[in-house]
Amino acid sequence: MSYRIDYPQGIQAQRKQKRSSKVIPFTILFFLLFLFCTLRFWQQGVETLQKFLLPGDAAVTAAALQDFTQALKTGESLSNAFAEFCQQVIHGAGICLG
């Protein structure tokens, strides 16, 4: 003879929701702390992070950003302006996409 205990689904769902709502702010906090420590104490890490986020020539990226903001000011759609910005940055980095 065996017994079976069924728990309502609401309790488990509430526990998961509480746990997940606490994880996201901590993840963001630790990521920002990592960025701060990298920027503050690890110069080579700063250079690596800059190369990763903004590949290629900084002047080309700055010009692409200026073109992006100008396109948005003139009323071009965000998706078209962003696509053009990405193409300019990739072209300036010398990356071939096929």
PDB file of N, CA and C in Angstrom:
ATOM      1  N   MET A   1       0.840  -1.164   0.000  1.00  0.00           N
ATOM      2  CA  MET A   1       0.000   0.000   0.000  1.00  0.00           C
ATOM      3  C   MET A   1       0.894   1.240   0.000  1.00  0.00           C
ATOM      4  N   SER A   2       0.588   2.179  -0.842  1.00  0.00           N
ATOM      5  CA  SER A   2       1.395   3.393  -0.917  1.00  0.00           C
ATOM      6  C   SER A   2       0.500   4.619  -0.878  1.00  0.00           C
ATOM      7  N   TYR A   3       1.131   5.700  -0.496  1.00  0.00           N
ATOM      8  CA  TYR A   3       0.406   6.954  -0.423  1.00  0.00           C
ATOM      9  C   TYR A   3       1.038   7.930  -1.404  1.00  0.00           C
ATOM     10  N   ARG A   4       0.209   8.767  -1.888  1.00  0.00           N
ATOM     11  CA  ARG A   4       0.688   9.786  -2.814  1.00  0.00           C
ATOM     12  C   ARG A   4       0.219  11.146  -2.318  1.00  0.00           C
ATOM     13  N   ILE A   5       1.148  12.081  -2.258  1.00  0.00           N
ATOM     14  CA  ILE A   5       0.817  13.431  -1.814  1.00  0.00           C
ATOM     15  C   ILE A   5       0.957  14.351  -3.019  1.00  0.00           C
ATOM     16  N   ASP A   6      -0.098  15.008  -3.366  1.00  0.00           N
ATOM     17  CA  ASP A   6      -0.088  15.975  -4.475  1.00  0.00           C
ATOM     18  C   ASP A   6      -0.101  17.376  -3.893  1.00  0.00           C
ATOM     19  N   TYR A   7       0.896  18.147  -4.300  1.00  0.00           N
ATOM     20  CA  TYR A   7       0.976  19.531  -3.866  1.00  0.00           C
ATOM     21  C   TYR A   7       0.390  20.416  -4.949  1.00  0.00           C
ATOM     22  N   PRO A   8      -0.259  21.482  -4.558  1.00  0.00           N
ATOM     23  CA  PRO A   8      -0.794  22.395  -5.580  1.00  0.00           C
ATOM     24  C   PRO A   8       0.342  23.037  -6.376  1.00  0.00           C
ATOM     25  N   GLN A   9       0.125  23.263  -7.652  1.00  0.00           N
ATOM     26  CA  GLN A   9       1.151  23.823  -8.529  1.00  0.00           C
ATOM     27  C   GLN A   9       1.473  25.272  -8.178  1.00  0.00           C
ATOM     28  N   GLY A  10       0.561  25.961  -7.557  1.00  0.00           N
ATOM     29  CA  GLY A  10       0.765  27.371  -7.242  1.00  0.00           C
ATOM     30  C   GLY A  10       1.936  27.619  -6.320  1.00  0.00           C
ATOM     31  N   ILE A  11       2.180  26.729  -5.369  1.00  0.00           N
ATOM     32  CA  ILE A  11       3.266  26.925  -4.409  1.00  0.00           C
ATOM     33  C   ILE A  11       4.619  26.815  -5.103  1.00  0.00           C
ATOM     34  N   GLN A  12       4.789  25.813  -5.936  1.00  0.00           N
ATOM     35  CA  GLN A  12       6.053  25.647  -6.649  1.00  0.00           C
ATOM     36  C   GLN A  12       6.296  26.794  -7.619  1.00  0.00           C
ATOM     37  N   ALA A  13       5.258  27.234  -8.299  1.00  0.00           N
ATOM     38  CA  ALA A  13       5.401  28.343  -9.245  1.00  0.00           C
ATOM     39  C   ALA A  13       5.777  29.632  -8.516  1.00  0.00           C
ATOM     40  N   GLN A  14       5.192  29.833  -7.330  1.00  0.00           N
ATOM     41  CA  GLN A  14       5.526  31.033  -6.568  1.00  0.00           C
ATOM     42  C   GLN A  14       6.977  31.001  -6.107  1.00  0.00           C
ATOM     43  N   ARG A  15       7.459  29.826  -5.691  1.00  0.00           N
ATOM     44  CA  ARG A  15       8.849  29.715  -5.255  1.00  0.00           C
ATOM     45  C   ARG A  15       9.801  29.981  -6.407  1.00  0.00           C
ATOM     46  N   LYS A  16       9.505  29.425  -7.589  1.00  0.00           N
ATOM     47  CA  LYS A  16      10.359  29.651  -8.749  1.00  0.00           C
ATOM     48  C   LYS A  16      10.358  31.121  -9.151  1.00  0.00           C
ATOM     49  N   GLN A  17       9.189  31.749  -9.079  1.00  0.00           N
ATOM     50  CA  GLN A  17       9.094  33.154  -9.465  1.00  0.00           C
ATOM     51  C   GLN A  17       9.879  34.025  -8.487  1.00  0.00           C
ATOM     52  N   LYS A  18       9.804  33.740  -7.204  1.00  0.00           N
ATOM     53  CA  LYS A  18      10.560  34.510  -6.224  1.00  0.00           C
ATOM     54  C   LYS A  18      12.057  34.356  -6.458  1.00  0.00           C
ATOM     55  N   ARG A  19      12.481  33.127  -6.720  1.00  0.00           N
ATOM     56  CA  ARG A  19      13.892  32.859  -6.933  1.00  0.00           C
ATOM     57  C   ARG A  19      14.396  33.559  -8.192  1.00  0.00           C
ATOM     58  N   SER A  20      13.635  33.483  -9.280  1.00  0.00           N
ATOM     59  CA  SER A  20      14.082  34.093 -10.531  1.00  0.00           C
ATOM     60  C   SER A  20      14.066  35.617 -10.456  1.00  0.00           C
ATOM     61  N   SER A  21      13.149  36.190  -9.699  1.00  0.00           N
ATOM     62  CA  SER A  21      13.109  37.646  -9.588  1.00  0.00           C
ATOM     63  C   SER A  21      14.282  38.179  -8.778  1.00  0.00           C
ATOM     64  N   LYS A  22      14.896  37.331  -7.943  1.00  0.00           N
ATOM     65  CA  LYS A  22      16.064  37.751  -7.175  1.00  0.00           C
ATOM     66  C   LYS A  22      17.351  37.568  -7.962  1.00  0.00           C
ATOM     67  N   VAL A  23      17.380  36.637  -8.897  1.00  0.00           N
ATOM     68  CA  VAL A  23      18.604  36.313  -9.627  1.00  0.00           C
ATOM     69  C   VAL A  23      18.965  37.413 -10.616  1.00  0.00           C
ATOM     70  N   ILE A  24      18.004  37.974 -11.312  1.00  0.00           N
ATOM     71  CA  ILE A  24      18.275  38.959 -12.360  1.00  0.00           C
ATOM     72  C   ILE A  24      18.955  40.215 -11.814  1.00  0.00           C
ATOM     73  N   PRO A  25      18.482  40.828 -10.729  1.00  0.00           N
ATOM     74  CA  PRO A  25      19.203  42.008 -10.221  1.00  0.00           C
ATOM     75  C   PRO A  25      20.626  41.689  -9.773  1.00  0.00           C
ATOM     76  N   PHE A  26      20.834  40.510  -9.169  1.00  0.00           N
ATOM     77  CA  PHE A  26      22.177  40.141  -8.750  1.00  0.00           C
ATOM     78  C   PHE A  26      23.091  39.924  -9.949  1.00  0.00           C
ATOM     79  N   THR A  27      22.560  39.348 -11.009  1.00  0.00           N
ATOM     80  CA  THR A  27      23.353  39.144 -12.214  1.00  0.00           C
ATOM     81  C   THR A  27      23.787  40.483 -12.796  1.00  0.00           C
ATOM     82  N   ILE A  28      22.876  41.411 -12.870  1.00  0.00           N
ATOM     83  CA  ILE A  28      23.189  42.748 -13.389  1.00  0.00           C
ATOM     84  C   ILE A  28      24.195  43.446 -12.480  1.00  0.00           C
ATOM     85  N   LEU A  29      23.987  43.326 -11.178  1.00  0.00           N
ATOM     86  CA  LEU A  29      24.895  43.955 -10.220  1.00  0.00           C
ATOM     87  C   LEU A  29      26.310  43.412 -10.358  1.00  0.00           C
ATOM     88  N   PHE A  30      26.451  42.091 -10.454  1.00  0.00           N
ATOM     89  CA  PHE A  30      27.784  41.509 -10.563  1.00  0.00           C
ATOM     90  C   PHE A  30      28.430  41.813 -11.912  1.00  0.00           C
ATOM     91  N   PHE A  31      27.642  41.906 -12.970  1.00  0.00           N
ATOM     92  CA  PHE A  31      28.201  42.288 -14.261  1.00  0.00           C
ATOM     93  C   PHE A  31      28.720  43.722 -14.224  1.00  0.00           C
ATOM     94  N   LEU A  32      27.963  44.634 -13.616  1.00  0.00           N
ATOM     95  CA  LEU A  32      28.416  46.018 -13.490  1.00  0.00           C
ATOM     96  C   LEU A  32      29.647  46.110 -12.593  1.00  0.00           C
ATOM     97  N   LEU A  33      29.693  45.295 -11.545  1.00  0.00           N
ATOM     98  CA  LEU A  33      30.869  45.260 -10.684  1.00  0.00           C
ATOM     99  C   LEU A  33      32.091  44.757 -11.441  1.00  0.00           C
ATOM    100  N   PHE A  34      31.888  43.740 -12.290  1.00  0.00           N
ATOM    101  CA  PHE A  34      32.975  43.236 -13.121  1.00  0.00           C
ATOM    102  C   PHE A  34      33.487  44.323 -14.066  1.00  0.00           C
ATOM    103  N   LEU A  35      32.575  45.041 -14.715  1.00  0.00           N
ATOM    104  CA  LEU A  35      32.992  46.120 -15.619  1.00  0.00           C
ATOM    105  C   LEU A  35      33.755  47.208 -14.867  1.00  0.00           C
ATOM    106  N   PHE A  36      33.266  47.567 -13.679  1.00  0.00           N
ATOM    107  CA  PHE A  36      33.939  48.593 -12.891  1.00  0.00           C
ATOM    108  C   PHE A  36      35.354  48.158 -12.523  1.00  0.00           C
ATOM    109  N   CYS A  37      35.491  46.920 -12.038  1.00  0.00           N
ATOM    110  CA  CYS A  37      36.821  46.422 -11.654  1.00  0.00           C
ATOM    111  C   CYS A  37      37.743  46.338 -12.862  1.00  0.00           C
ATOM    112  N   THR A  38      37.193  45.930 -13.990  1.00  0.00           N
ATOM    113  CA  THR A  38      37.999  45.857 -15.203  1.00  0.00           C
ATOM    114  C   THR A  38      38.485  47.246 -15.608  1.00  0.00           C
ATOM    115  N   LEU A  39      37.594  48.217 -15.607  1.00  0.00           N
ATOM    116  CA  LEU A  39      37.966  49.572 -16.008  1.00  0.00           C
ATOM    117  C   LEU A  39      38.934  50.207 -15.016  1.00  0.00           C
ATOM    118  N   ARG A  40      38.794  49.873 -13.769  1.00  0.00           N
ATOM    119  CA  ARG A  40      39.592  50.525 -12.728  1.00  0.00           C
ATOM    120  C   ARG A  40      40.986  49.921 -12.559  1.00  0.00           C
ATOM    121  N   PHE A  41      41.087  48.589 -12.637  1.00  0.00           N
ATOM    122  CA  PHE A  41      42.324  47.942 -12.217  1.00  0.00           C
ATOM    123  C   PHE A  41      43.052  47.156 -13.291  1.00  0.00           C
ATOM    124  N   TRP A  42      42.478  46.961 -14.445  1.00  0.00           N
ATOM    125  CA  TRP A  42      43.095  46.074 -15.432  1.00  0.00           C
ATOM    126  C   TRP A  42      43.133  46.772 -16.783  1.00  0.00           C
ATOM    127  N   GLN A  43      44.212  47.484 -17.058  1.00  0.00           N
ATOM    128  CA  GLN A  43      44.319  48.290 -18.271  1.00  0.00           C
ATOM    129  C   GLN A  43      44.260  47.442 -19.526  1.00  0.00           C
ATOM    130  N   GLN A  44      44.925  46.295 -19.532  1.00  0.00           N
ATOM    131  CA  GLN A  44      44.881  45.423 -20.709  1.00  0.00           C
ATOM    132  C   GLN A  44      43.463  44.914 -20.941  1.00  0.00           C
ATOM    133  N   GLY A  45      42.733  44.680 -19.869  1.00  0.00           N
ATOM    134  CA  GLY A  45      41.341  44.255 -19.996  1.00  0.00           C
ATOM    135  C   GLY A  45      40.472  45.335 -20.615  1.00  0.00           C
ATOM    136  N   VAL A  46      40.769  46.590 -20.277  1.00  0.00           N
ATOM    137  CA  VAL A  46      40.031  47.712 -20.865  1.00  0.00           C
ATOM    138  C   VAL A  46      40.254  47.750 -22.376  1.00  0.00           C
ATOM    139  N   GLU A  47      41.496  47.577 -22.781  1.00  0.00           N
ATOM    140  CA  GLU A  47      41.804  47.596 -24.212  1.00  0.00           C
ATOM    141  C   GLU A  47      41.134  46.424 -24.930  1.00  0.00           C
ATOM    142  N   THR A  48      41.144  45.259 -24.311  1.00  0.00           N
ATOM    143  CA  THR A  48      40.489  44.087 -24.903  1.00  0.00           C
ATOM    144  C   THR A  48      38.989  44.299 -25.006  1.00  0.00           C
ATOM    145  N   LEU A  49      38.399  44.865 -23.961  1.00  0.00           N
ATOM    146  CA  LEU A  49      36.961  45.135 -23.969  1.00  0.00           C
ATOM    147  C   LEU A  49      36.604  46.155 -25.046  1.00  0.00           C
ATOM    148  N   GLN A  50      37.420  47.179 -25.208  1.00  0.00           N
ATOM    149  CA  GLN A  50      37.163  48.177 -26.239  1.00  0.00           C
ATOM    150  C   GLN A  50      37.275  47.565 -27.630  1.00  0.00           C
ATOM    151  N   LYS A  51      38.263  46.704 -27.843  1.00  0.00           N
ATOM    152  CA  LYS A  51      38.405  46.050 -29.146  1.00  0.00           C
ATOM    153  C   LYS A  51      37.236  45.129 -29.433  1.00  0.00           C
ATOM    154  N   PHE A  52      36.709  44.489 -28.384  1.00  0.00           N
ATOM    155  CA  PHE A  52      35.576  43.587 -28.553  1.00  0.00           C
ATOM    156  C   PHE A  52      34.294  44.358 -28.864  1.00  0.00           C
ATOM    157  N   LEU A  53      34.069  45.445 -28.140  1.00  0.00           N
ATOM    158  CA  LEU A  53      32.837  46.212 -28.332  1.00  0.00           C
ATOM    159  C   LEU A  53      32.881  47.105 -29.568  1.00  0.00           C
ATOM    160  N   LEU A  54      34.027  47.685 -29.855  1.00  0.00           N
ATOM    161  CA  LEU A  54      34.176  48.580 -30.995  1.00  0.00           C
ATOM    162  C   LEU A  54      35.369  48.134 -31.833  1.00  0.00           C
ATOM    163  N   PRO A  55      35.166  47.159 -32.702  1.00  0.00           N
ATOM    164  CA  PRO A  55      36.295  46.643 -33.484  1.00  0.00           C
ATOM    165  C   PRO A  55      36.736  47.648 -34.542  1.00  0.00           C
ATOM    166  N   GLY A  56      37.983  47.491 -34.975  1.00  0.00           N
ATOM    167  CA  GLY A  56      38.489  48.312 -36.068  1.00  0.00           C
ATOM    168  C   GLY A  56      38.978  49.670 -35.630  1.00  0.00           C
ATOM    169  N   ASP A  57      39.039  50.562 -36.594  1.00  0.00           N
ATOM    170  CA  ASP A  57      39.550  51.906 -36.386  1.00  0.00           C
ATOM    171  C   ASP A  57      38.544  52.741 -35.601  1.00  0.00           C
ATOM    172  N   ALA A  58      39.007  53.402 -34.560  1.00  0.00           N
ATOM    173  CA  ALA A  58      38.124  54.209 -33.723  1.00  0.00           C
ATOM    174  C   ALA A  58      37.539  55.390 -34.504  1.00  0.00           C
ATOM    175  N   ALA A  59      38.300  55.936 -35.423  1.00  0.00           N
ATOM    176  CA  ALA A  59      37.807  57.066 -36.223  1.00  0.00           C
ATOM    177  C   ALA A  59      36.655  56.636 -37.125  1.00  0.00           C
ATOM    178  N   VAL A  60      36.762  55.436 -37.696  1.00  0.00           N
ATOM    179  CA  VAL A  60      35.682  54.922 -38.544  1.00  0.00           C
ATOM    180  C   VAL A  60      34.420  54.684 -37.714  1.00  0.00           C
ATOM    181  N   THR A  61      34.604  54.142 -36.510  1.00  0.00           N
ATOM    182  CA  THR A  61      33.462  53.899 -35.635  1.00  0.00           C
ATOM    183  C   THR A  61      32.815  55.209 -35.211  1.00  0.00           C
ATOM    184  N   ALA A  62      33.620  56.211 -34.907  1.00  0.00           N
ATOM    185  CA  ALA A  62      33.077  57.515 -34.525  1.00  0.00           C
ATOM    186  C   ALA A  62      32.304  58.145 -35.683  1.00  0.00           C
ATOM    187  N   ALA A  63      32.831  58.028 -36.888  1.00  0.00           N
ATOM    188  CA  ALA A  63      32.135  58.559 -38.061  1.00  0.00           C
ATOM    189  C   ALA A  63      30.835  57.794 -38.301  1.00  0.00           C
ATOM    190  N   ALA A  64      30.861  56.479 -38.106  1.00  0.00           N
ATOM    191  CA  ALA A  64      29.651  55.674 -38.287  1.00  0.00           C
ATOM    192  C   ALA A  64      28.602  56.054 -37.253  1.00  0.00           C
ATOM    193  N   LEU A  65      29.033  56.323 -36.026  1.00  0.00           N
ATOM    194  CA  LEU A  65      28.099  56.746 -34.984  1.00  0.00           C
ATOM    195  C   LEU A  65      27.501  58.105 -35.308  1.00  0.00           C
ATOM    196  N   GLN A  66      28.311  58.996 -35.848  1.00  0.00           N
ATOM    197  CA  GLN A  66      27.811  60.316 -36.237  1.00  0.00           C
ATOM    198  C   GLN A  66      26.795  60.189 -37.387  1.00  0.00           C
ATOM    199  N   ASP A  67      27.087  59.325 -38.354  1.00  0.00           N
ATOM    200  CA  ASP A  67      26.139  59.083 -39.448  1.00  0.00           C
ATOM    201  C   ASP A  67      24.840  58.471 -38.924  1.00  0.00           C
ATOM    202  N   PHE A  68      24.968  57.584 -37.937  1.00  0.00           N
ATOM    203  CA  PHE A  68      23.799  56.938 -37.339  1.00  0.00           C
ATOM    204  C   PHE A  68      22.888  57.966 -36.674  1.00  0.00           C
ATOM    205  N   THR A  69      23.475  58.858 -35.871  1.00  0.00           N
ATOM    206  CA  THR A  69      22.648  59.866 -35.199  1.00  0.00           C
ATOM    207  C   THR A  69      22.055  60.851 -36.204  1.00  0.00           C
ATOM    208  N   GLN A  70      22.800  61.190 -37.241  1.00  0.00           N
ATOM    209  CA  GLN A  70      22.287  62.095 -38.265  1.00  0.00           C
ATOM    210  C   GLN A  70      21.122  61.461 -39.020  1.00  0.00           C
ATOM    211  N   ALA A  71      21.237  60.164 -39.309  1.00  0.00           N
ATOM    212  CA  ALA A  71      20.148  59.473 -40.004  1.00  0.00           C
ATOM    213  C   ALA A  71      18.894  59.436 -39.151  1.00  0.00           C
ATOM    214  N   LEU A  72      19.051  59.248 -37.849  1.00  0.00           N
ATOM    215  CA  LEU A  72      17.881  59.250 -36.962  1.00  0.00           C
ATOM    216  C   LEU A  72      17.257  60.640 -36.876  1.00  0.00           C
ATOM    217  N   LYS A  73      18.091  61.674 -36.889  1.00  0.00           N
ATOM    218  CA  LYS A  73      17.563  63.041 -36.829  1.00  0.00           C
ATOM    219  C   LYS A  73      16.775  63.393 -38.085  1.00  0.00           C
ATOM    220  N   THR A  74      17.176  62.845 -39.232  1.00  0.00           N
ATOM    221  CA  THR A  74      16.483  63.148 -40.477  1.00  0.00           C
ATOM    222  C   THR A  74      15.219  62.323 -40.664  1.00  0.00           C
ATOM    223  N   GLY A  75      14.982  61.366 -39.747  1.00  0.00           N
ATOM    224  CA  GLY A  75      13.732  60.608 -39.810  1.00  0.00           C
ATOM    225  C   GLY A  75      13.843  59.220 -40.412  1.00  0.00           C
ATOM    226  N   GLU A  76      15.038  58.755 -40.662  1.00  0.00           N
ATOM    227  CA  GLU A  76      15.208  57.406 -41.182  1.00  0.00           C
ATOM    228  C   GLU A  76      14.825  56.404 -40.089  1.00  0.00           C
ATOM    229  N   SER A  77      14.348  55.238 -40.489  1.00  0.00           N
ATOM    230  CA  SER A  77      13.926  54.250 -39.505  1.00  0.00           C
ATOM    231  C   SER A  77      15.119  53.740 -38.705  1.00  0.00           C
ATOM    232  N   LEU A  78      14.844  53.342 -37.484  1.00  0.00           N
ATOM    233  CA  LEU A  78      15.899  52.871 -36.594  1.00  0.00           C
ATOM    234  C   LEU A  78      16.580  51.628 -37.153  1.00  0.00           C
ATOM    235  N   SER A  79      15.815  50.715 -37.700  1.00  0.00           N
ATOM    236  CA  SER A  79      16.412  49.476 -38.213  1.00  0.00           C
ATOM    237  C   SER A  79      17.342  49.750 -39.396  1.00  0.00           C
ATOM    238  N   ASN A  80      16.947  50.631 -40.311  1.00  0.00           N
ATOM    239  CA  ASN A  80      17.807  50.962 -41.449  1.00  0.00           C
ATOM    240  C   ASN A  80      19.070  51.701 -41.005  1.00  0.00           C
ATOM    241  N   ALA A  81      18.908  52.648 -40.079  1.00  0.00           N
ATOM    242  CA  ALA A  81      20.056  53.409 -39.592  1.00  0.00           C
ATOM    243  C   ALA A  81      21.027  52.503 -38.841  1.00  0.00           C
ATOM    244  N   PHE A  82      20.492  51.576 -38.034  1.00  0.00           N
ATOM    245  CA  PHE A  82      21.352  50.673 -37.277  1.00  0.00           C
ATOM    246  C   PHE A  82      22.061  49.692 -38.200  1.00  0.00           C
ATOM    247  N   ALA A  83      21.371  49.213 -39.220  1.00  0.00           N
ATOM    248  CA  ALA A  83      21.998  48.301 -40.183  1.00  0.00           C
ATOM    249  C   ALA A  83      23.149  48.994 -40.909  1.00  0.00           C
ATOM    250  N   GLU A  84      22.948  50.233 -41.295  1.00  0.00           N
ATOM    251  CA  GLU A  84      24.012  50.989 -41.964  1.00  0.00           C
ATOM    252  C   GLU A  84      25.191  51.230 -41.018  1.00  0.00           C
ATOM    253  N   PHE A  85      24.894  51.544 -39.766  1.00  0.00           N
ATOM    254  CA  PHE A  85      25.940  51.730 -38.760  1.00  0.00           C
ATOM    255  C   PHE A  85      26.773  50.457 -38.609  1.00  0.00           C
ATOM    256  N   CYS A  86      26.108  49.316 -38.492  1.00  0.00           N
ATOM    257  CA  CYS A  86      26.823  48.039 -38.333  1.00  0.00           C
ATOM    258  C   CYS A  86      27.682  47.729 -39.556  1.00  0.00           C
ATOM    259  N   GLN A  87      27.152  48.018 -40.743  1.00  0.00           N
ATOM    260  CA  GLN A  87      27.925  47.768 -41.956  1.00  0.00           C
ATOM    261  C   GLN A  87      29.179  48.635 -41.990  1.00  0.00           C
ATOM    262  N   GLN A  88      29.052  49.897 -41.607  1.00  0.00           N
ATOM    263  CA  GLN A  88      30.220  50.784 -41.594  1.00  0.00           C
ATOM    264  C   GLN A  88      31.269  50.324 -40.584  1.00  0.00           C
ATOM    265  N   VAL A  89      30.832  49.895 -39.395  1.00  0.00           N
ATOM    266  CA  VAL A  89      31.774  49.438 -38.371  1.00  0.00           C
ATOM    267  C   VAL A  89      32.469  48.155 -38.820  1.00  0.00           C
ATOM    268  N   ILE A  90      31.706  47.236 -39.383  1.00  0.00           N
ATOM    269  CA  ILE A  90      32.295  45.967 -39.855  1.00  0.00           C
ATOM    270  C   ILE A  90      33.257  46.213 -41.003  1.00  0.00           C
ATOM    271  N   HIS A  91      32.875  47.096 -41.916  1.00  0.00           N
ATOM    272  CA  HIS A  91      33.764  47.436 -43.031  1.00  0.00           C
ATOM    273  C   HIS A  91      35.034  48.098 -42.514  1.00  0.00           C
ATOM    274  N   GLY A  92      34.902  48.998 -41.520  1.00  0.00           N
ATOM    275  CA  GLY A  92      36.065  49.674 -40.944  1.00  0.00           C
ATOM    276  C   GLY A  92      36.980  48.728 -40.182  1.00  0.00           C
ATOM    277  N   ALA A  93      36.403  47.641 -39.668  1.00  0.00           N
ATOM    278  CA  ALA A  93      37.218  46.656 -38.939  1.00  0.00           C
ATOM    279  C   ALA A  93      37.915  45.694 -39.884  1.00  0.00           C
ATOM    280  N   GLY A  94      37.522  45.708 -41.160  1.00  0.00           N
ATOM    281  CA  GLY A  94      38.143  44.814 -42.137  1.00  0.00           C
ATOM    282  C   GLY A  94      37.628  43.386 -42.051  1.00  0.00           C
ATOM    283  N   ILE A  95      36.417  43.232 -41.542  1.00  0.00           N
ATOM    284  CA  ILE A  95      35.831  41.898 -41.410  1.00  0.00           C
ATOM    285  C   ILE A  95      35.020  41.605 -42.664  1.00  0.00           C
ATOM    286  N   CYS A  96      35.289  40.474 -43.289  1.00  0.00           N
ATOM    287  CA  CYS A  96      34.546  40.063 -44.497  1.00  0.00           C
ATOM    288  C   CYS A  96      33.443  39.105 -44.082  1.00  0.00           C
ATOM    289  N   LEU A  97      32.235  39.371 -44.525  1.00  0.00           N
ATOM    290  CA  LEU A  97      31.097  38.532 -44.155  1.00  0.00           C
ATOM    291  C   LEU A  97      30.659  37.645 -45.310  1.00  0.00           C
ATOM    292  N   GLY A  98      31.450  37.462 -46.273  1.00  0.00           N
ATOM    293  CA  GLY A  98      31.091  36.509 -47.319  1.00  0.00           C
ATOM    294  C   GLY A  98      30.837  37.165 -48.560  1.00  0.00           C
TER     295      GLY A  98
END
